[in-house]
């Protein structure tokens, strides 16, 4: 039973983190993976665990039958929806690291020219800035809302996610996240 509870907890945290990303960008992200062999619909945690670190392998693995297959990510902004391939964090970072000039594209240009990698980066890292930072590359474009709006959007996640997780997703220093959380608690 403990293993089941831990898996459910991990799933809830992964879903909450994706909800935080959605709140920041005002865009809902829904990973979709339906096994073509056994018909199992993978949940978010199963999709993430099914990825491997090979940047050439763009598949996830069904936990039921072990079949590897590509999954998708739906990004919805109001009524507008886009369905793209969903790449793992390692594949996304590999693309950003190896694609000449990717860090010179604005967020809008990146979304238009490389939508699957753009949305995968947002879903995994919260921003292109955060993804490029992991590759020790500077990304000079502003892509997140102004600080006051950002603070309003992340406030509902205080206590649901660790401050360090919120800091990683937003790019805001952890000390500032802690300060915002303490101020929100006093209200």
N, C-alpha and C. Protein backbone atom coordinates (compact mmCIF):
# COMPACT_ATOMS: atom_id res chain seq x y z
N UNK A 1 0.82 -1.20 0.00
CA UNK A 1 0.00 0.00 0.00
C UNK A 1 0.87 1.27 0.00
N UNK A 2 2.00 1.23 0.71
CA UNK A 2 2.86 2.41 0.76
C UNK A 2 3.37 2.80 -0.62
N UNK A 3 3.74 1.82 -1.43
CA UNK A 3 4.22 2.10 -2.77
C UNK A 3 3.13 2.77 -3.59
N UNK A 4 1.92 2.28 -3.47
CA UNK A 4 0.79 2.87 -4.19
C UNK A 4 0.56 4.32 -3.75
N UNK A 5 0.65 4.58 -2.45
CA UNK A 5 0.48 5.93 -1.94
C UNK A 5 1.59 6.86 -2.45
N UNK A 6 2.81 6.34 -2.48
CA UNK A 6 3.94 7.14 -2.94
C UNK A 6 3.77 7.48 -4.43
N UNK A 7 3.33 6.53 -5.21
CA UNK A 7 3.10 6.76 -6.64
C UNK A 7 1.99 7.79 -6.84
N UNK A 8 0.92 7.67 -6.07
CA UNK A 8 -0.17 8.65 -6.16
C UNK A 8 0.31 10.05 -5.77
N UNK A 9 1.15 10.11 -4.74
CA UNK A 9 1.72 11.39 -4.31
C UNK A 9 2.59 11.99 -5.42
N UNK A 10 3.43 11.17 -6.04
CA UNK A 10 4.29 11.64 -7.13
C UNK A 10 3.43 12.13 -8.30
N UNK A 11 2.37 11.41 -8.60
CA UNK A 11 1.47 11.80 -9.68
C UNK A 11 0.82 13.15 -9.36
N UNK A 12 0.33 13.31 -8.13
CA UNK A 12 -0.29 14.58 -7.73
C UNK A 12 0.69 15.74 -7.84
N UNK A 13 1.95 15.51 -7.41
CA UNK A 13 2.96 16.57 -7.50
C UNK A 13 3.27 16.92 -8.95
N UNK A 14 3.39 15.90 -9.81
CA UNK A 14 3.66 16.15 -11.23
C UNK A 14 2.51 16.92 -11.86
N UNK A 15 1.28 16.54 -11.53
CA UNK A 15 0.11 17.24 -12.06
C UNK A 15 0.04 18.67 -11.53
N UNK A 16 0.34 18.86 -10.27
CA UNK A 16 0.31 20.19 -9.67
C UNK A 16 1.37 21.09 -10.31
N UNK A 17 2.55 20.52 -10.57
CA UNK A 17 3.62 21.28 -11.21
C UNK A 17 3.18 21.71 -12.62
N UNK A 18 2.52 20.82 -13.35
CA UNK A 18 2.03 21.15 -14.68
C UNK A 18 0.91 22.20 -14.59
N UNK A 19 0.12 22.14 -13.55
CA UNK A 19 -0.92 23.17 -13.32
C UNK A 19 -0.28 24.53 -13.03
N UNK A 20 0.84 24.52 -12.30
CA UNK A 20 1.58 25.76 -12.05
C UNK A 20 2.06 26.36 -13.36
N UNK A 21 2.65 25.54 -14.20
CA UNK A 21 3.11 26.00 -15.52
C UNK A 21 1.93 26.58 -16.30
N UNK A 22 0.80 25.89 -16.26
CA UNK A 22 -0.40 26.36 -16.96
C UNK A 22 -0.86 27.71 -16.41
N UNK A 23 -0.84 27.87 -15.10
CA UNK A 23 -1.26 29.13 -14.48
C UNK A 23 -0.34 30.28 -14.88
N UNK A 24 0.94 30.01 -14.91
CA UNK A 24 1.92 31.05 -15.27
C UNK A 24 1.70 31.51 -16.70
N UNK A 25 1.52 30.58 -17.60
CA UNK A 25 1.41 30.89 -19.02
C UNK A 25 -0.03 31.06 -19.50
N UNK A 26 -0.98 30.87 -18.58
CA UNK A 26 -2.41 30.92 -18.91
C UNK A 26 -2.72 30.02 -20.11
N UNK A 27 -2.15 28.84 -20.07
CA UNK A 27 -2.31 27.87 -21.14
C UNK A 27 -2.33 26.49 -20.49
N UNK A 28 -3.31 25.70 -20.82
CA UNK A 28 -3.42 24.36 -20.24
C UNK A 28 -2.61 23.37 -21.06
N UNK A 29 -1.84 22.54 -20.37
CA UNK A 29 -1.05 21.50 -21.02
C UNK A 29 -1.57 20.13 -20.62
N UNK A 30 -1.85 19.30 -21.62
CA UNK A 30 -2.36 17.95 -21.37
C UNK A 30 -1.52 16.94 -22.15
N UNK A 31 -0.66 16.19 -21.47
CA UNK A 31 0.07 15.11 -22.16
C UNK A 31 -0.89 13.95 -22.45
N UNK A 32 -0.75 13.39 -23.66
CA UNK A 32 -1.65 12.31 -24.08
C UNK A 32 -0.81 11.14 -24.60
N UNK A 33 -1.06 9.97 -24.05
CA UNK A 33 -0.37 8.77 -24.51
C UNK A 33 -1.34 7.59 -24.40
N UNK A 34 -1.66 7.01 -25.53
CA UNK A 34 -2.56 5.86 -25.61
C UNK A 34 -1.77 4.74 -26.28
N UNK A 35 -1.53 3.66 -25.56
CA UNK A 35 -0.72 2.57 -26.08
C UNK A 35 -1.41 1.93 -27.29
N UNK A 36 -0.72 1.88 -28.42
CA UNK A 36 -1.34 1.29 -29.61
C UNK A 36 -1.46 -0.23 -29.53
N UNK A 37 -0.72 -0.85 -28.62
CA UNK A 37 -0.76 -2.31 -28.53
C UNK A 37 -1.84 -2.81 -27.57
N UNK A 38 -1.82 -2.29 -26.33
CA UNK A 38 -2.77 -2.82 -25.33
C UNK A 38 -3.91 -1.86 -25.01
N UNK A 39 -3.83 -0.62 -25.50
CA UNK A 39 -4.92 0.33 -25.29
C UNK A 39 -4.86 1.09 -23.97
N UNK A 40 -3.81 0.90 -23.18
CA UNK A 40 -3.68 1.58 -21.89
C UNK A 40 -3.48 3.09 -22.11
N UNK A 41 -4.26 3.90 -21.38
CA UNK A 41 -4.07 5.35 -21.39
C UNK A 41 -3.12 5.70 -20.26
N UNK A 42 -1.94 6.19 -20.61
CA UNK A 42 -0.94 6.51 -19.60
C UNK A 42 -1.27 7.81 -18.91
N UNK A 43 -1.04 7.86 -17.60
CA UNK A 43 -1.19 9.12 -16.88
C UNK A 43 0.12 9.89 -17.00
N UNK A 44 0.15 11.10 -16.49
CA UNK A 44 1.32 11.97 -16.61
C UNK A 44 2.58 11.30 -16.07
N UNK A 45 2.50 10.71 -14.89
CA UNK A 45 3.67 10.08 -14.28
C UNK A 45 4.16 8.91 -15.11
N UNK A 46 3.26 8.12 -15.63
CA UNK A 46 3.65 6.98 -16.48
C UNK A 46 4.33 7.47 -17.76
N UNK A 47 3.84 8.55 -18.32
CA UNK A 47 4.47 9.12 -19.52
C UNK A 47 5.89 9.55 -19.18
N UNK A 48 6.04 10.31 -18.09
CA UNK A 48 7.35 10.82 -17.72
C UNK A 48 8.33 9.70 -17.39
N UNK A 49 7.86 8.70 -16.67
CA UNK A 49 8.73 7.58 -16.32
C UNK A 49 9.06 6.71 -17.53
N UNK A 50 8.20 6.71 -18.53
CA UNK A 50 8.42 5.91 -19.72
C UNK A 50 9.44 6.48 -20.70
N UNK A 51 9.74 7.79 -20.54
CA UNK A 51 10.75 8.40 -21.39
C UNK A 51 12.11 7.82 -21.03
N UNK A 52 13.04 7.86 -21.99
CA UNK A 52 14.42 7.55 -21.65
C UNK A 52 15.28 8.74 -22.04
N UNK A 53 16.53 8.72 -21.67
CA UNK A 53 17.40 9.89 -21.86
C UNK A 53 18.04 9.95 -23.24
N UNK A 54 17.67 9.08 -24.14
CA UNK A 54 18.26 9.07 -25.49
C UNK A 54 17.59 10.15 -26.33
N UNK A 55 18.34 11.18 -26.75
CA UNK A 55 17.71 12.26 -27.52
C UNK A 55 17.19 11.83 -28.88
N UNK A 56 17.59 10.66 -29.35
CA UNK A 56 17.11 10.17 -30.63
C UNK A 56 15.82 9.34 -30.49
N UNK A 57 15.51 8.93 -29.28
CA UNK A 57 14.31 8.11 -29.04
C UNK A 57 13.19 9.02 -28.54
N UNK A 58 12.22 9.26 -29.38
CA UNK A 58 11.14 10.19 -29.04
C UNK A 58 9.88 9.44 -28.63
N UNK A 59 10.06 8.42 -27.82
CA UNK A 59 8.93 7.60 -27.39
C UNK A 59 8.87 7.51 -25.88
N UNK A 60 7.72 7.08 -25.40
CA UNK A 60 7.56 6.71 -24.01
C UNK A 60 7.24 5.22 -24.00
N UNK A 61 7.18 4.63 -22.81
CA UNK A 61 6.96 3.19 -22.72
C UNK A 61 5.71 2.89 -21.91
N UNK A 62 4.87 2.03 -22.45
CA UNK A 62 3.68 1.60 -21.75
C UNK A 62 4.09 0.74 -20.55
N UNK A 63 3.60 1.07 -19.35
CA UNK A 63 3.95 0.27 -18.18
C UNK A 63 3.26 -1.10 -18.16
N UNK A 64 2.23 -1.24 -18.97
CA UNK A 64 1.48 -2.50 -19.01
C UNK A 64 2.14 -3.53 -19.92
N UNK A 65 2.46 -3.13 -21.16
CA UNK A 65 2.97 -4.11 -22.14
C UNK A 65 4.39 -3.80 -22.62
N UNK A 66 4.98 -2.71 -22.12
CA UNK A 66 6.36 -2.31 -22.44
C UNK A 66 6.55 -1.82 -23.88
N UNK A 67 5.48 -1.59 -24.61
CA UNK A 67 5.58 -1.09 -25.98
C UNK A 67 6.03 0.38 -25.95
N UNK A 68 6.95 0.73 -26.82
CA UNK A 68 7.40 2.12 -26.94
C UNK A 68 6.61 2.77 -28.07
N UNK A 69 6.19 4.01 -27.86
CA UNK A 69 5.41 4.74 -28.85
C UNK A 69 5.49 6.23 -28.55
N UNK A 70 5.26 7.08 -29.56
CA UNK A 70 5.31 8.53 -29.33
C UNK A 70 4.06 9.00 -28.58
N UNK A 71 4.25 10.04 -27.79
CA UNK A 71 3.08 10.64 -27.12
C UNK A 71 2.94 12.08 -27.58
N UNK A 72 1.86 12.70 -27.18
CA UNK A 72 1.54 14.04 -27.65
C UNK A 72 1.26 14.96 -26.47
N UNK A 73 1.29 16.23 -26.77
CA UNK A 73 0.99 17.26 -25.78
C UNK A 73 0.00 18.22 -26.41
N UNK A 74 -1.12 18.42 -25.74
CA UNK A 74 -2.08 19.41 -26.20
C UNK A 74 -1.87 20.67 -25.37
N UNK A 75 -1.70 21.77 -26.06
CA UNK A 75 -1.57 23.07 -25.41
C UNK A 75 -2.80 23.88 -25.79
N UNK A 76 -3.55 24.32 -24.80
CA UNK A 76 -4.79 25.05 -25.07
C UNK A 76 -4.72 26.44 -24.46
N UNK A 77 -5.03 27.41 -25.28
CA UNK A 77 -5.12 28.80 -24.85
C UNK A 77 -6.53 29.25 -25.21
N UNK A 78 -7.41 29.25 -24.21
CA UNK A 78 -8.81 29.52 -24.48
C UNK A 78 -9.38 28.41 -25.35
N UNK A 79 -9.98 28.79 -26.47
CA UNK A 79 -10.54 27.81 -27.40
C UNK A 79 -9.49 27.31 -28.40
N UNK A 80 -8.39 28.03 -28.52
CA UNK A 80 -7.33 27.62 -29.45
C UNK A 80 -6.53 26.46 -28.84
N UNK A 81 -6.33 25.43 -29.66
CA UNK A 81 -5.60 24.25 -29.20
C UNK A 81 -4.57 23.86 -30.25
N UNK A 82 -3.45 23.34 -29.77
CA UNK A 82 -2.45 22.80 -30.67
C UNK A 82 -2.01 21.46 -30.10
N UNK A 83 -1.88 20.47 -30.98
CA UNK A 83 -1.44 19.14 -30.57
C UNK A 83 -0.07 18.91 -31.20
N UNK A 84 0.94 18.68 -30.37
CA UNK A 84 2.31 18.50 -30.84
C UNK A 84 2.91 17.24 -30.22
N UNK A 85 4.02 16.80 -30.77
CA UNK A 85 4.75 15.70 -30.15
C UNK A 85 5.24 16.17 -28.78
N UNK A 86 5.25 15.27 -27.81
CA UNK A 86 5.73 15.60 -26.47
C UNK A 86 7.06 14.89 -26.28
N UNK A 87 8.10 15.69 -26.13
CA UNK A 87 9.44 15.15 -25.95
C UNK A 87 9.82 15.17 -24.48
N UNK A 88 10.69 14.25 -24.09
CA UNK A 88 11.15 14.22 -22.70
C UNK A 88 12.07 15.40 -22.44
N UNK A 89 12.38 15.64 -21.18
CA UNK A 89 13.24 16.76 -20.79
C UNK A 89 14.61 16.65 -21.44
N UNK A 90 15.20 15.46 -21.49
CA UNK A 90 16.53 15.28 -22.07
C UNK A 90 16.52 15.57 -23.57
N UNK A 91 15.49 15.13 -24.27
CA UNK A 91 15.39 15.40 -25.71
C UNK A 91 15.24 16.90 -25.96
N UNK A 92 14.44 17.54 -25.14
CA UNK A 92 14.21 18.97 -25.29
C UNK A 92 15.50 19.74 -25.05
N UNK A 93 16.22 19.39 -23.98
CA UNK A 93 17.49 20.06 -23.68
C UNK A 93 18.50 19.80 -24.80
N UNK A 94 18.53 18.59 -25.33
CA UNK A 94 19.44 18.27 -26.43
C UNK A 94 19.16 19.17 -27.62
N UNK A 95 17.90 19.33 -27.96
CA UNK A 95 17.52 20.20 -29.08
C UNK A 95 17.99 21.62 -28.84
N UNK A 96 17.73 22.15 -27.65
CA UNK A 96 18.12 23.53 -27.35
C UNK A 96 19.63 23.70 -27.38
N UNK A 97 20.35 22.69 -26.93
CA UNK A 97 21.82 22.74 -26.88
C UNK A 97 22.42 22.63 -28.28
N UNK A 98 21.84 21.82 -29.14
CA UNK A 98 22.47 21.52 -30.43
C UNK A 98 21.92 22.32 -31.60
N UNK A 99 20.82 22.99 -31.43
CA UNK A 99 20.23 23.75 -32.53
C UNK A 99 20.86 25.14 -32.56
N UNK A 100 21.61 25.36 -33.58
CA UNK A 100 22.31 26.63 -33.74
C UNK A 100 21.32 27.80 -33.74
N UNK A 101 21.54 28.72 -32.86
CA UNK A 101 20.73 29.92 -32.83
C UNK A 101 19.39 29.81 -32.13
N UNK A 102 19.06 28.65 -31.55
CA UNK A 102 17.75 28.52 -30.89
C UNK A 102 17.58 29.56 -29.79
N UNK A 103 18.67 29.87 -29.09
CA UNK A 103 18.54 30.84 -28.00
C UNK A 103 18.47 32.28 -28.52
N UNK A 104 18.52 32.46 -29.84
CA UNK A 104 18.36 33.78 -30.43
C UNK A 104 16.93 34.02 -30.92
N UNK A 105 16.11 32.99 -30.84
CA UNK A 105 14.71 33.12 -31.25
C UNK A 105 13.87 33.64 -30.10
N UNK A 106 12.95 34.54 -30.39
CA UNK A 106 12.02 35.00 -29.36
C UNK A 106 11.11 33.83 -29.00
N UNK A 107 10.42 33.90 -27.87
CA UNK A 107 9.47 32.83 -27.55
C UNK A 107 8.44 32.62 -28.66
N UNK A 108 7.96 33.71 -29.24
CA UNK A 108 6.97 33.60 -30.32
C UNK A 108 7.56 32.90 -31.55
N UNK A 109 8.81 33.24 -31.89
CA UNK A 109 9.46 32.59 -33.04
C UNK A 109 9.72 31.12 -32.76
N UNK A 110 10.14 30.82 -31.53
CA UNK A 110 10.39 29.42 -31.16
C UNK A 110 9.10 28.62 -31.23
N UNK A 111 8.01 29.19 -30.72
CA UNK A 111 6.72 28.49 -30.76
C UNK A 111 6.27 28.25 -32.20
N UNK A 112 6.53 29.20 -33.07
CA UNK A 112 6.11 29.08 -34.47
C UNK A 112 6.99 28.10 -35.25
N UNK A 113 8.29 28.15 -35.07
CA UNK A 113 9.20 27.34 -35.88
C UNK A 113 9.46 25.95 -35.31
N UNK A 114 9.39 25.81 -33.99
CA UNK A 114 9.66 24.52 -33.33
C UNK A 114 8.62 24.27 -32.24
N UNK A 115 7.33 24.16 -32.61
CA UNK A 115 6.27 24.09 -31.60
C UNK A 115 6.40 22.92 -30.61
N UNK A 116 6.79 21.76 -31.08
CA UNK A 116 6.89 20.60 -30.16
C UNK A 116 7.97 20.84 -29.11
N UNK A 117 9.11 21.36 -29.53
CA UNK A 117 10.18 21.61 -28.56
C UNK A 117 9.84 22.79 -27.66
N UNK A 118 9.19 23.80 -28.21
CA UNK A 118 8.78 24.94 -27.40
C UNK A 118 7.84 24.49 -26.28
N UNK A 119 6.76 23.80 -26.66
CA UNK A 119 5.78 23.39 -25.65
C UNK A 119 6.35 22.34 -24.69
N UNK A 120 7.21 21.45 -25.18
CA UNK A 120 7.86 20.48 -24.29
C UNK A 120 8.74 21.21 -23.28
N UNK A 121 9.46 22.24 -23.74
CA UNK A 121 10.32 23.01 -22.82
C UNK A 121 9.47 23.70 -21.75
N UNK A 122 8.36 24.30 -22.16
CA UNK A 122 7.50 24.98 -21.19
C UNK A 122 6.92 23.96 -20.21
N UNK A 123 6.44 22.84 -20.71
CA UNK A 123 5.83 21.82 -19.84
C UNK A 123 6.85 21.25 -18.85
N UNK A 124 8.08 21.01 -19.28
CA UNK A 124 9.08 20.41 -18.39
C UNK A 124 9.77 21.42 -17.48
N UNK A 125 10.08 22.62 -18.02
CA UNK A 125 10.93 23.55 -17.28
C UNK A 125 10.24 24.83 -16.84
N UNK A 126 9.07 25.11 -17.38
CA UNK A 126 8.34 26.31 -17.00
C UNK A 126 8.61 27.49 -17.91
N UNK A 127 9.79 27.52 -18.53
CA UNK A 127 10.14 28.61 -19.43
C UNK A 127 11.34 28.19 -20.28
N UNK A 128 11.50 28.88 -21.38
CA UNK A 128 12.69 28.66 -22.20
C UNK A 128 13.93 29.11 -21.44
N UNK A 129 13.79 30.20 -20.69
CA UNK A 129 14.91 30.71 -19.89
C UNK A 129 15.45 29.62 -18.97
N UNK A 130 14.55 28.95 -18.26
CA UNK A 130 14.95 27.89 -17.34
C UNK A 130 15.60 26.72 -18.08
N UNK A 131 15.05 26.36 -19.24
CA UNK A 131 15.60 25.26 -20.03
C UNK A 131 17.00 25.60 -20.53
N UNK A 132 17.18 26.80 -21.07
CA UNK A 132 18.50 27.20 -21.56
C UNK A 132 19.50 27.32 -20.41
N UNK A 133 19.04 27.76 -19.27
CA UNK A 133 19.93 27.89 -18.10
C UNK A 133 20.53 26.53 -17.72
N UNK A 134 19.74 25.48 -17.83
CA UNK A 134 20.25 24.14 -17.54
C UNK A 134 21.36 23.73 -18.50
N UNK A 135 21.40 24.35 -19.67
CA UNK A 135 22.44 24.07 -20.66
C UNK A 135 23.55 25.12 -20.61
N UNK A 136 23.52 25.94 -19.55
CA UNK A 136 24.49 27.03 -19.39
C UNK A 136 24.48 28.00 -20.57
N UNK A 137 23.29 28.23 -21.10
CA UNK A 137 23.10 29.18 -22.18
C UNK A 137 22.20 30.31 -21.70
N UNK A 138 22.55 31.52 -22.05
CA UNK A 138 21.75 32.67 -21.66
C UNK A 138 20.62 32.87 -22.67
N UNK A 139 19.44 33.11 -22.16
CA UNK A 139 18.28 33.42 -23.00
C UNK A 139 17.83 34.81 -22.61
N UNK A 140 17.94 35.75 -23.51
CA UNK A 140 17.76 37.16 -23.16
C UNK A 140 16.34 37.69 -23.33
N UNK A 141 15.42 36.86 -23.78
CA UNK A 141 14.06 37.34 -24.02
C UNK A 141 13.20 37.18 -22.78
N UNK A 142 12.33 38.15 -22.55
CA UNK A 142 11.39 38.10 -21.44
C UNK A 142 10.18 37.30 -21.90
N UNK A 143 9.84 36.27 -21.15
CA UNK A 143 8.73 35.43 -21.56
C UNK A 143 7.70 35.23 -20.47
N UNK A 144 8.02 35.64 -19.27
CA UNK A 144 7.07 35.50 -18.16
C UNK A 144 6.41 36.84 -17.89
N UNK A 145 5.24 36.82 -17.27
CA UNK A 145 4.54 38.08 -16.98
C UNK A 145 5.32 38.93 -15.97
N UNK A 146 4.97 40.20 -15.85
CA UNK A 146 5.62 41.05 -14.84
C UNK A 146 5.49 40.43 -13.44
N UNK A 147 6.40 40.80 -12.57
CA UNK A 147 6.51 40.17 -11.26
C UNK A 147 5.20 40.15 -10.47
N UNK A 148 4.47 41.24 -10.44
CA UNK A 148 3.23 41.29 -9.65
C UNK A 148 2.19 40.30 -10.19
N UNK A 149 2.08 40.21 -11.49
CA UNK A 149 1.13 39.27 -12.10
C UNK A 149 1.60 37.84 -11.84
N UNK A 150 2.90 37.60 -11.99
CA UNK A 150 3.47 36.28 -11.74
C UNK A 150 3.18 35.86 -10.30
N UNK A 151 3.39 36.77 -9.37
CA UNK A 151 3.14 36.46 -7.95
C UNK A 151 1.67 36.08 -7.73
N UNK A 152 0.76 36.79 -8.35
CA UNK A 152 -0.67 36.48 -8.21
C UNK A 152 -0.98 35.08 -8.77
N UNK A 153 -0.33 34.75 -9.87
CA UNK A 153 -0.60 33.45 -10.51
C UNK A 153 -0.03 32.27 -9.74
N UNK A 154 1.05 32.49 -9.02
CA UNK A 154 1.67 31.36 -8.31
C UNK A 154 1.19 31.23 -6.87
N UNK A 155 0.56 32.27 -6.33
CA UNK A 155 0.11 32.24 -4.93
C UNK A 155 -0.73 31.01 -4.59
N UNK A 156 -1.66 30.55 -5.44
CA UNK A 156 -2.45 29.37 -5.10
C UNK A 156 -1.61 28.09 -4.93
N UNK A 157 -0.36 28.11 -5.37
CA UNK A 157 0.49 26.92 -5.30
C UNK A 157 1.38 26.89 -4.06
N UNK A 158 1.36 27.97 -3.27
CA UNK A 158 2.12 27.98 -2.04
C UNK A 158 1.54 26.92 -1.11
N UNK A 159 2.40 26.08 -0.59
CA UNK A 159 1.96 24.99 0.28
C UNK A 159 1.61 23.72 -0.47
N UNK A 160 1.38 23.82 -1.77
CA UNK A 160 1.10 22.63 -2.58
C UNK A 160 2.38 22.09 -3.22
N UNK A 161 3.29 23.03 -3.55
CA UNK A 161 4.57 22.67 -4.14
C UNK A 161 5.68 23.29 -3.30
N UNK A 162 6.82 22.66 -3.30
CA UNK A 162 7.96 23.20 -2.56
C UNK A 162 8.39 24.53 -3.17
N UNK A 163 8.89 25.43 -2.33
CA UNK A 163 9.36 26.72 -2.81
C UNK A 163 10.43 26.56 -3.89
N UNK A 164 11.31 25.57 -3.72
CA UNK A 164 12.38 25.37 -4.71
C UNK A 164 11.80 24.95 -6.08
N UNK A 165 10.70 24.19 -6.06
CA UNK A 165 10.05 23.79 -7.31
C UNK A 165 9.46 25.02 -8.00
N UNK A 166 8.77 25.85 -7.23
CA UNK A 166 8.18 27.07 -7.78
C UNK A 166 9.28 27.98 -8.30
N UNK A 167 10.38 28.08 -7.58
CA UNK A 167 11.52 28.90 -8.01
C UNK A 167 12.10 28.39 -9.32
N UNK A 168 12.27 27.08 -9.44
CA UNK A 168 12.81 26.50 -10.68
C UNK A 168 11.90 26.78 -11.87
N UNK A 169 10.61 26.64 -11.67
CA UNK A 169 9.65 26.83 -12.76
C UNK A 169 9.55 28.30 -13.17
N UNK A 170 9.62 29.20 -12.21
CA UNK A 170 9.43 30.62 -12.50
C UNK A 170 10.73 31.38 -12.78
N UNK A 171 11.85 30.83 -12.31
CA UNK A 171 13.11 31.55 -12.44
C UNK A 171 13.28 32.62 -11.39
N UNK A 172 12.35 32.71 -10.47
CA UNK A 172 12.43 33.66 -9.37
C UNK A 172 13.28 33.02 -8.27
N UNK A 173 14.20 33.78 -7.66
CA UNK A 173 15.02 33.19 -6.59
C UNK A 173 14.15 32.59 -5.47
N UNK A 174 14.62 31.48 -4.92
CA UNK A 174 13.85 30.79 -3.89
C UNK A 174 13.58 31.68 -2.69
N UNK A 175 14.52 32.54 -2.31
CA UNK A 175 14.32 33.44 -1.18
C UNK A 175 13.14 34.38 -1.43
N UNK A 176 12.99 34.84 -2.66
CA UNK A 176 11.87 35.72 -2.99
C UNK A 176 10.56 34.95 -2.95
N UNK A 177 10.57 33.70 -3.44
CA UNK A 177 9.37 32.85 -3.36
C UNK A 177 8.96 32.67 -1.90
N UNK A 178 9.94 32.40 -1.04
CA UNK A 178 9.66 32.24 0.39
C UNK A 178 9.05 33.52 0.97
N UNK A 179 9.60 34.66 0.58
CA UNK A 179 9.08 35.95 1.05
C UNK A 179 7.64 36.14 0.59
N UNK A 180 7.37 35.84 -0.68
CA UNK A 180 6.01 35.98 -1.20
C UNK A 180 5.06 35.05 -0.46
N UNK A 181 5.52 33.82 -0.19
CA UNK A 181 4.67 32.85 0.51
C UNK A 181 4.35 33.35 1.92
N UNK A 182 5.35 33.90 2.61
CA UNK A 182 5.13 34.40 3.98
C UNK A 182 4.15 35.59 3.97
N UNK A 183 4.27 36.46 3.01
CA UNK A 183 3.36 37.60 2.90
C UNK A 183 1.94 37.13 2.60
N UNK A 184 1.82 36.13 1.74
CA UNK A 184 0.49 35.58 1.40
C UNK A 184 -0.14 34.91 2.60
N UNK A 185 0.68 34.27 3.43
CA UNK A 185 0.18 33.58 4.62
C UNK A 185 -0.38 34.57 5.64
N UNK A 186 0.23 35.76 5.71
CA UNK A 186 -0.20 36.78 6.68
C UNK A 186 -1.53 37.42 6.31
N UNK A 187 -1.89 37.35 5.05
CA UNK A 187 -3.15 38.00 4.59
C UNK A 187 -4.35 37.24 5.02
